[in-house]
């Protein structure tokens, strides 16, 4: 990071410097998105396993099988998003890259909002209806389709040509770091189990609800911050979309 700061401040022309700063901001914001998104491999799966009625559409799924909803929604939504961005682009209305990042992060946060609502409305058995998890994955996937496809493109377009490889590595390093952050966040909802079963389902539900509430506000807050910064970042990008 110190080396990158030195390079930006001493080796870049003014326009290159501004583009690089915008790229660094976008890269750092992805840590938040992926830390939220990767809860699918941790707290969301444990939530489904421990305090959720996993039957949806007449099928009884395992907790791990809910993770396949991300792939299903990508398959269903990718053509729609491709058409949407192309259609908006022809009209000059396609959102800028910073706005797309803001939309992606915000939707990741809203996905946890669905789980908070579900946790606040359990069924008579004290379990959360599985459809709330479906909605959470839908929002997370739509957020991923807003942010992920444009991320690597932004790196290649905004980075100074001589260090495109370094910045690509920095992008993936930020993604890797987000996995560490995701694990630390998931630990906040650790609950006691006996033979693989939660000792107190009500306490477990409260613990997950508290974590998901925090993640909701984290995602929405950072998304709003990126939206507020988007005009500044767009000017710093000097015409690169």
C-alpha atoms as a PDB file:
ATOM      1  CA  UNK A   1       0.000   0.000   0.000  1.00  0.00           C
ATOM      2  CA  UNK A   2       2.868   2.366   0.801  1.00  0.00           C
ATOM      3  CA  UNK A   3       4.513   1.524  -2.506  1.00  0.00           C
ATOM      4  CA  UNK A   4       1.295   2.175  -4.372  1.00  0.00           C
ATOM      5  CA  UNK A   5       0.869   5.503  -2.571  1.00  0.00           C
ATOM      6  CA  UNK A   6       4.425   6.485  -3.529  1.00  0.00           C
ATOM      7  CA  UNK A   7       3.804   5.533  -7.158  1.00  0.00           C
ATOM      8  CA  UNK A   8       0.544   7.474  -7.386  1.00  0.00           C
ATOM      9  CA  UNK A   9       1.960  10.619  -5.785  1.00  0.00           C
ATOM     10  CA  UNK A  10       5.320  10.725  -7.574  1.00  0.00           C
ATOM     11  CA  UNK A  11       5.126   8.777 -10.831  1.00  0.00           C
ATOM     12  CA  UNK A  12       1.685   9.618 -12.222  1.00  0.00           C
ATOM     13  CA  UNK A  13       0.519  12.540 -14.285  1.00  0.00           C
ATOM     14  CA  UNK A  14      -2.392  14.520 -12.750  1.00  0.00           C
ATOM     15  CA  UNK A  15      -5.088  12.741 -14.775  1.00  0.00           C
ATOM     16  CA  UNK A  16      -3.488   9.340 -14.153  1.00  0.00           C
ATOM     17  CA  UNK A  17      -3.255  10.155 -10.445  1.00  0.00           C
ATOM     18  CA  UNK A  18      -6.945  10.945 -10.207  1.00  0.00           C
ATOM     19  CA  UNK A  19      -7.884   7.784 -12.088  1.00  0.00           C
ATOM     20  CA  UNK A  20      -5.696   5.695  -9.808  1.00  0.00           C
ATOM     21  CA  UNK A  21      -7.227   7.228  -6.685  1.00  0.00           C
ATOM     22  CA  UNK A  22     -10.697   6.463  -8.034  1.00  0.00           C
ATOM     23  CA  UNK A  23      -9.601   2.885  -8.706  1.00  0.00           C
ATOM     24  CA  UNK A  24      -8.244   2.493  -5.167  1.00  0.00           C
ATOM     25  CA  UNK A  25     -11.557   3.724  -3.719  1.00  0.00           C
ATOM     26  CA  UNK A  26     -13.510   1.272  -5.894  1.00  0.00           C
ATOM     27  CA  UNK A  27     -11.189  -1.577  -4.936  1.00  0.00           C
ATOM     28  CA  UNK A  28     -11.520  -0.877  -1.208  1.00  0.00           C
ATOM     29  CA  UNK A  29     -15.305  -0.757  -1.508  1.00  0.00           C
ATOM     30  CA  UNK A  30     -15.312  -4.298  -2.873  1.00  0.00           C
ATOM     31  CA  UNK A  31     -13.999  -5.550   0.470  1.00  0.00           C
ATOM     32  CA  UNK A  32     -17.330  -4.550   1.995  1.00  0.00           C
ATOM     33  CA  UNK A  33     -19.369  -6.130  -0.789  1.00  0.00           C
ATOM     34  CA  UNK A  34     -17.574  -9.484  -0.784  1.00  0.00           C
ATOM     35  CA  UNK A  35     -17.448  -9.625   3.018  1.00  0.00           C
ATOM     36  CA  UNK A  36     -21.244  -9.383   2.955  1.00  0.00           C
ATOM     37  CA  UNK A  37     -21.699 -11.653  -0.052  1.00  0.00           C
ATOM     38  CA  UNK A  38     -19.487 -14.416   1.354  1.00  0.00           C
ATOM     39  CA  UNK A  39     -21.688 -14.776   4.419  1.00  0.00           C
ATOM     40  CA  UNK A  40     -23.395 -17.326   2.171  1.00  0.00           C
ATOM     41  CA  UNK A  41     -20.582 -19.731   3.071  1.00  0.00           C
ATOM     42  CA  UNK A  42     -20.822 -18.981   6.782  1.00  0.00           C
ATOM     43  CA  UNK A  43     -23.530 -17.311   8.801  1.00  0.00           C
ATOM     44  CA  UNK A  44     -26.253 -17.650   6.162  1.00  0.00           C
ATOM     45  CA  UNK A  45     -25.733 -21.407   5.805  1.00  0.00           C
ATOM     46  CA  UNK A  46     -25.634 -21.870   9.583  1.00  0.00           C
ATOM     47  CA  UNK A  47     -28.778 -19.741   9.871  1.00  0.00           C
ATOM     48  CA  UNK A  48     -30.520 -22.004   7.347  1.00  0.00           C
ATOM     49  CA  UNK A  49     -29.312 -25.123   9.147  1.00  0.00           C
ATOM     50  CA  UNK A  50     -30.200 -24.100  12.682  1.00  0.00           C
ATOM     51  CA  UNK A  51     -33.208 -21.801  12.760  1.00  0.00           C
ATOM     52  CA  UNK A  52     -34.943 -22.046   9.377  1.00  0.00           C
ATOM     53  CA  UNK A  53     -37.751 -24.139   7.943  1.00  0.00           C
ATOM     54  CA  UNK A  54     -35.943 -25.239   4.773  1.00  0.00           C
ATOM     55  CA  UNK A  55     -38.972 -26.337   2.789  1.00  0.00           C
ATOM     56  CA  UNK A  56     -39.701 -24.172  -0.276  1.00  0.00           C
ATOM     57  CA  UNK A  57     -41.970 -24.897  -3.242  1.00  0.00           C
ATOM     58  CA  UNK A  58     -42.806 -28.264  -1.702  1.00  0.00           C
ATOM     59  CA  UNK A  59     -39.139 -29.335  -1.578  1.00  0.00           C
ATOM     60  CA  UNK A  60     -37.107 -29.972   1.557  1.00  0.00           C
ATOM     61  CA  UNK A  61     -33.625 -28.606   0.946  1.00  0.00           C
ATOM     62  CA  UNK A  62     -30.487 -28.926   2.993  1.00  0.00           C
ATOM     63  CA  UNK A  63     -28.854 -25.754   4.287  1.00  0.00           C
ATOM     64  CA  UNK A  64     -25.977 -26.126   1.819  1.00  0.00           C
ATOM     65  CA  UNK A  65     -28.350 -26.477  -1.142  1.00  0.00           C
ATOM     66  CA  UNK A  66     -29.612 -22.941  -0.582  1.00  0.00           C
ATOM     67  CA  UNK A  67     -26.200 -21.753  -1.778  1.00  0.00           C
ATOM     68  CA  UNK A  68     -27.064 -22.994  -5.278  1.00  0.00           C
ATOM     69  CA  UNK A  69     -29.676 -20.231  -5.487  1.00  0.00           C
ATOM     70  CA  UNK A  70     -26.874 -17.812  -6.359  1.00  0.00           C
ATOM     71  CA  UNK A  71     -25.966 -19.835  -9.474  1.00  0.00           C
ATOM     72  CA  UNK A  72     -29.630 -20.223 -10.397  1.00  0.00           C
ATOM     73  CA  UNK A  73     -30.295 -16.488 -10.165  1.00  0.00           C
ATOM     74  CA  UNK A  74     -27.146 -15.668 -12.145  1.00  0.00           C
ATOM     75  CA  UNK A  75     -28.362 -17.982 -14.896  1.00  0.00           C
ATOM     76  CA  UNK A  76     -31.814 -16.368 -14.867  1.00  0.00           C
ATOM     77  CA  UNK A  77     -30.829 -12.727 -14.370  1.00  0.00           C
ATOM     78  CA  UNK A  78     -27.620 -12.355 -16.410  1.00  0.00           C
ATOM     79  CA  UNK A  79     -29.454 -12.039 -19.761  1.00  0.00           C
ATOM     80  CA  UNK A  80     -31.839  -9.516 -18.204  1.00  0.00           C
ATOM     81  CA  UNK A  81     -28.993  -7.389 -16.848  1.00  0.00           C
ATOM     82  CA  UNK A  82     -27.108  -7.603 -20.158  1.00  0.00           C
ATOM     83  CA  UNK A  83     -30.207  -6.351 -21.966  1.00  0.00           C
ATOM     84  CA  UNK A  84     -30.818  -3.656 -19.355  1.00  0.00           C
ATOM     85  CA  UNK A  85     -27.299  -2.175 -19.463  1.00  0.00           C
ATOM     86  CA  UNK A  86     -27.237  -2.313 -23.278  1.00  0.00           C
ATOM     87  CA  UNK A  87     -30.632  -0.679 -23.516  1.00  0.00           C
ATOM     88  CA  UNK A  88     -29.708   2.061 -21.054  1.00  0.00           C
ATOM     89  CA  UNK A  89     -26.363   2.566 -22.807  1.00  0.00           C
ATOM     90  CA  UNK A  90     -28.068   3.243 -26.143  1.00  0.00           C
ATOM     91  CA  UNK A  91     -30.099   5.954 -24.453  1.00  0.00           C
ATOM     92  CA  UNK A  92     -27.108   7.402 -22.599  1.00  0.00           C
ATOM     93  CA  UNK A  93     -28.675   6.396 -19.274  1.00  0.00           C
ATOM     94  CA  UNK A  94     -26.394   3.556 -18.143  1.00  0.00           C
ATOM     95  CA  UNK A  95     -25.184   4.204 -14.576  1.00  0.00           C
ATOM     96  CA  UNK A  96     -21.535   5.080 -14.101  1.00  0.00           C
ATOM     97  CA  UNK A  97     -19.193   2.494 -12.596  1.00  0.00           C
ATOM     98  CA  UNK A  98     -19.260   4.105  -9.101  1.00  0.00           C
ATOM     99  CA  UNK A  99     -23.075   4.084  -9.159  1.00  0.00           C
ATOM    100  CA  UNK A 100     -23.103   0.419 -10.157  1.00  0.00           C
ATOM    101  CA  UNK A 101     -20.755  -0.313  -7.245  1.00  0.00           C
ATOM    102  CA  UNK A 102     -23.103   1.585  -4.930  1.00  0.00           C
ATOM    103  CA  UNK A 103     -26.087  -0.404  -6.198  1.00  0.00           C
ATOM    104  CA  UNK A 104     -24.237  -3.682  -5.727  1.00  0.00           C
ATOM    105  CA  UNK A 105     -23.143  -2.949  -2.158  1.00  0.00           C
ATOM    106  CA  UNK A 106     -26.549  -1.574  -1.209  1.00  0.00           C
ATOM    107  CA  UNK A 107     -28.345  -4.664  -2.496  1.00  0.00           C
ATOM    108  CA  UNK A 108     -25.958  -6.913  -0.570  1.00  0.00           C
ATOM    109  CA  UNK A 109     -27.016  -5.045   2.558  1.00  0.00           C
ATOM    110  CA  UNK A 110     -30.701  -5.255   1.686  1.00  0.00           C
ATOM    111  CA  UNK A 111     -30.370  -9.020   1.333  1.00  0.00           C
ATOM    112  CA  UNK A 112     -29.689  -9.165   5.060  1.00  0.00           C
ATOM    113  CA  UNK A 113     -32.688  -6.931   5.567  1.00  0.00           C
ATOM    114  CA  UNK A 114     -34.805  -9.780   4.202  1.00  0.00           C
ATOM    115  CA  UNK A 115     -33.298 -12.146   6.781  1.00  0.00           C
ATOM    116  CA  UNK A 116     -33.890  -9.635   9.577  1.00  0.00           C
ATOM    117  CA  UNK A 117     -37.555  -9.455   8.572  1.00  0.00           C
ATOM    118  CA  UNK A 118     -37.722 -13.228   8.496  1.00  0.00           C
ATOM    119  CA  UNK A 119     -36.101 -13.525  11.911  1.00  0.00           C
ATOM    120  CA  UNK A 120     -38.653 -11.091  13.277  1.00  0.00           C
ATOM    121  CA  UNK A 121     -41.556 -13.175  11.959  1.00  0.00           C
ATOM    122  CA  UNK A 122     -40.889 -16.862  12.769  1.00  0.00           C
ATOM    123  CA  UNK A 123     -43.575 -19.503  12.387  1.00  0.00           C
ATOM    124  CA  UNK A 124     -45.310 -21.292  15.247  1.00  0.00           C
ATOM    125  CA  UNK A 125     -42.360 -23.637  15.621  1.00  0.00           C
ATOM    126  CA  UNK A 126     -40.015 -20.682  16.060  1.00  0.00           C
ATOM    127  CA  UNK A 127     -38.408 -21.222  12.623  1.00  0.00           C
ATOM    128  CA  UNK A 128     -37.878 -18.738   9.807  1.00  0.00           C
ATOM    129  CA  UNK A 129     -39.644 -19.400   6.516  1.00  0.00           C
ATOM    130  CA  UNK A 130     -37.212 -20.424   3.778  1.00  0.00           C
ATOM    131  CA  UNK A 131     -38.602 -17.916   1.282  1.00  0.00           C
ATOM    132  CA  UNK A 132     -36.802 -15.121   3.141  1.00  0.00           C
ATOM    133  CA  UNK A 133     -33.515 -16.808   2.281  1.00  0.00           C
ATOM    134  CA  UNK A 134     -34.586 -17.008  -1.369  1.00  0.00           C
ATOM    135  CA  UNK A 135     -35.185 -13.251  -1.353  1.00  0.00           C
ATOM    136  CA  UNK A 136     -31.814 -12.658   0.307  1.00  0.00           C
ATOM    137  CA  UNK A 137     -30.000 -14.634  -2.386  1.00  0.00           C
ATOM    138  CA  UNK A 138     -31.957 -12.823  -5.093  1.00  0.00           C
ATOM    139  CA  UNK A 139     -30.821  -9.438  -3.772  1.00  0.00           C
ATOM    140  CA  UNK A 140     -27.232 -10.602  -3.292  1.00  0.00           C
ATOM    141  CA  UNK A 141     -27.087 -11.983  -6.828  1.00  0.00           C
ATOM    142  CA  UNK A 142     -28.552  -8.842  -8.399  1.00  0.00           C
ATOM    143  CA  UNK A 143     -25.962  -6.871  -6.438  1.00  0.00           C
ATOM    144  CA  UNK A 144     -23.211  -9.145  -7.722  1.00  0.00           C
ATOM    145  CA  UNK A 145     -24.381  -8.603 -11.302  1.00  0.00           C
ATOM    146  CA  UNK A 146     -24.171  -4.840 -10.766  1.00  0.00           C
ATOM    147  CA  UNK A 147     -20.648  -4.841  -9.339  1.00  0.00           C
ATOM    148  CA  UNK A 148     -18.662  -7.892 -10.364  1.00  0.00           C
ATOM    149  CA  UNK A 149     -18.790  -7.676 -14.197  1.00  0.00           C
ATOM    150  CA  UNK A 150     -17.557  -4.074 -14.227  1.00  0.00           C
ATOM    151  CA  UNK A 151     -14.872  -4.498 -11.564  1.00  0.00           C
ATOM    152  CA  UNK A 152     -12.066  -6.056 -13.594  1.00  0.00           C
ATOM    153  CA  UNK A 153     -12.954  -3.828 -16.525  1.00  0.00           C
ATOM    154  CA  UNK A 154     -12.464  -0.794 -14.276  1.00  0.00           C
ATOM    155  CA  UNK A 155      -9.022  -2.055 -13.268  1.00  0.00           C
ATOM    156  CA  UNK A 156      -7.791  -2.407 -16.844  1.00  0.00           C
ATOM    157  CA  UNK A 157      -9.231   0.948 -17.889  1.00  0.00           C
ATOM    158  CA  UNK A 158      -8.244   3.098 -14.908  1.00  0.00           C
ATOM    159  CA  UNK A 159      -4.845   1.674 -13.982  1.00  0.00           C
ATOM    160  CA  UNK A 160      -1.655   3.198 -15.378  1.00  0.00           C
ATOM    161  CA  UNK A 161      -0.578   0.795 -18.173  1.00  0.00           C
ATOM    162  CA  UNK A 162       2.776   0.011 -16.543  1.00  0.00           C
ATOM    163  CA  UNK A 163       1.142  -1.384 -13.380  1.00  0.00           C
ATOM    164  CA  UNK A 164      -2.076  -2.949 -14.687  1.00  0.00           C
ATOM    165  CA  UNK A 165      -0.833  -6.339 -13.457  1.00  0.00           C
ATOM    166  CA  UNK A 166      -0.102  -4.960 -10.002  1.00  0.00           C
ATOM    167  CA  UNK A 167      -3.535  -3.394  -9.752  1.00  0.00           C
ATOM    168  CA  UNK A 168      -5.168  -6.599 -10.963  1.00  0.00           C
ATOM    169  CA  UNK A 169      -3.328  -8.406  -8.185  1.00  0.00           C
ATOM    170  CA  UNK A 170      -4.450  -5.736  -5.719  1.00  0.00           C
ATOM    171  CA  UNK A 171      -8.046  -6.300  -6.810  1.00  0.00           C
ATOM    172  CA  UNK A 172      -7.821 -10.018  -6.085  1.00  0.00           C
ATOM    173  CA  UNK A 173      -5.915  -9.345  -2.860  1.00  0.00           C
ATOM    174  CA  UNK A 174      -8.804  -7.145  -1.709  1.00  0.00           C
ATOM    175  CA  UNK A 175     -11.192  -9.970  -2.594  1.00  0.00           C
ATOM    176  CA  UNK A 176      -9.080 -12.419  -0.573  1.00  0.00           C
ATOM    177  CA  UNK A 177      -8.984 -10.046   2.386  1.00  0.00           C
ATOM    178  CA  UNK A 178     -12.765  -9.776   2.257  1.00  0.00           C
ATOM    179  CA  UNK A 179     -12.922 -13.540   2.929  1.00  0.00           C
ATOM    180  CA  UNK A 180     -11.023 -12.962   6.175  1.00  0.00           C
ATOM    181  CA  UNK A 181     -13.381 -10.112   7.100  1.00  0.00           C
ATOM    182  CA  UNK A 182     -16.380 -12.316   6.271  1.00  0.00           C
ATOM    183  CA  UNK A 183     -15.125 -15.014   8.654  1.00  0.00           C
ATOM    184  CA  UNK A 184     -14.621 -12.518  11.474  1.00  0.00           C
ATOM    185  CA  UNK A 185     -18.135 -11.137  10.971  1.00  0.00           C
ATOM    186  CA  UNK A 186     -19.660 -14.613  10.989  1.00  0.00           C
ATOM    187  CA  UNK A 187     -17.985 -15.329  14.348  1.00  0.00           C
ATOM    188  CA  UNK A 188     -20.096 -12.570  15.900  1.00  0.00           C
ATOM    189  CA  UNK A 189     -23.120 -14.848  15.652  1.00  0.00           C
ATOM    190  CA  UNK A 190     -21.470 -17.911  17.189  1.00  0.00           C
ATOM    191  CA  UNK A 191     -23.971 -19.954  19.196  1.00  0.00           C
ATOM    192  CA  UNK A 192     -23.649 -22.956  21.490  1.00  0.00           C
ATOM    193  CA  UNK A 193     -24.524 -26.363  20.018  1.00  0.00           C
ATOM    194  CA  UNK A 194     -25.045 -29.826  21.444  1.00  0.00           C
ATOM    195  CA  UNK A 195     -24.366 -32.717  19.056  1.00  0.00           C
ATOM    196  CA  UNK A 196     -24.706 -30.322  16.139  1.00  0.00           C
ATOM    197  CA  UNK A 197     -28.022 -28.871  17.357  1.00  0.00           C
ATOM    198  CA  UNK A 198     -28.439 -25.421  18.864  1.00  0.00           C
ATOM    199  CA  UNK A 199     -29.005 -25.514  22.595  1.00  0.00           C
ATOM    200  CA  UNK A 200     -31.402 -22.547  22.544  1.00  0.00           C
ATOM    201  CA  UNK A 201     -33.104 -21.862  19.192  1.00  0.00           C
ATOM    202  CA  UNK A 202     -34.555 -18.575  20.407  1.00  0.00           C
ATOM    203  CA  UNK A 203     -31.165 -17.256  21.513  1.00  0.00           C
ATOM    204  CA  UNK A 204     -29.625 -18.416  18.236  1.00  0.00           C
ATOM    205  CA  UNK A 205     -32.306 -16.597  16.254  1.00  0.00           C
ATOM    206  CA  UNK A 206     -31.664 -13.411  18.226  1.00  0.00           C
ATOM    207  CA  UNK A 207     -27.909 -13.729  17.645  1.00  0.00           C
ATOM    208  CA  UNK A 208     -28.285 -14.119  13.889  1.00  0.00           C
ATOM    209  CA  UNK A 209     -30.850 -11.325  13.725  1.00  0.00           C
ATOM    210  CA  UNK A 210     -28.434  -8.964  15.508  1.00  0.00           C
ATOM    211  CA  UNK A 211     -25.599  -9.831  13.099  1.00  0.00           C
ATOM    212  CA  UNK A 212     -27.778  -9.521  10.006  1.00  0.00           C
ATOM    213  CA  UNK A 213     -29.128  -6.183  11.216  1.00  0.00           C
ATOM    214  CA  UNK A 214     -25.565  -4.870  11.517  1.00  0.00           C
ATOM    215  CA  UNK A 215     -24.713  -6.200   8.050  1.00  0.00           C
ATOM    216  CA  UNK A 216     -27.848  -4.583   6.643  1.00  0.00           C
ATOM    217  CA  UNK A 217     -26.807  -1.150   7.857  1.00  0.00           C
ATOM    218  CA  UNK A 218     -23.202  -1.713   6.851  1.00  0.00           C
ATOM    219  CA  UNK A 219     -24.191  -2.501   3.267  1.00  0.00           C
ATOM    220  CA  UNK A 220     -26.788   0.241   2.959  1.00  0.00           C
ATOM    221  CA  UNK A 221     -24.494   2.789   4.625  1.00  0.00           C
ATOM    222  CA  UNK A 222     -21.483   2.063   2.408  1.00  0.00           C
ATOM    223  CA  UNK A 223     -23.752   1.908  -0.640  1.00  0.00           C
ATOM    224  CA  UNK A 224     -25.132   5.361   0.145  1.00  0.00           C
ATOM    225  CA  UNK A 225     -21.606   6.670   0.752  1.00  0.00           C
ATOM    226  CA  UNK A 226     -20.479   5.373  -2.636  1.00  0.00           C
ATOM    227  CA  UNK A 227     -23.548   6.932  -4.226  1.00  0.00           C
ATOM    228  CA  UNK A 228     -22.669  10.300  -2.677  1.00  0.00           C
ATOM    229  CA  UNK A 229     -19.074   9.950  -3.836  1.00  0.00           C
ATOM    230  CA  UNK A 230     -20.032   8.833  -7.345  1.00  0.00           C
ATOM    231  CA  UNK A 231     -20.070  12.341  -8.925  1.00  0.00           C
ATOM    232  CA  UNK A 232     -16.574  12.992  -7.566  1.00  0.00           C
ATOM    233  CA  UNK A 233     -15.279   9.595  -8.634  1.00  0.00           C
ATOM    234  CA  UNK A 234     -16.827   9.958 -12.081  1.00  0.00           C
ATOM    235  CA  UNK A 235     -15.007  13.259 -12.600  1.00  0.00           C
ATOM    236  CA  UNK A 236     -11.769  11.688 -11.398  1.00  0.00           C
ATOM    237  CA  UNK A 237     -12.191   8.925 -13.982  1.00  0.00           C
ATOM    238  CA  UNK A 238     -12.064  11.532 -16.796  1.00  0.00           C
ATOM    239  CA  UNK A 239     -14.499   9.997 -19.214  1.00  0.00           C
ATOM    240  CA  UNK A 240     -13.755   6.309 -18.545  1.00  0.00           C
ATOM    241  CA  UNK A 241     -17.030   4.486 -17.966  1.00  0.00           C
END
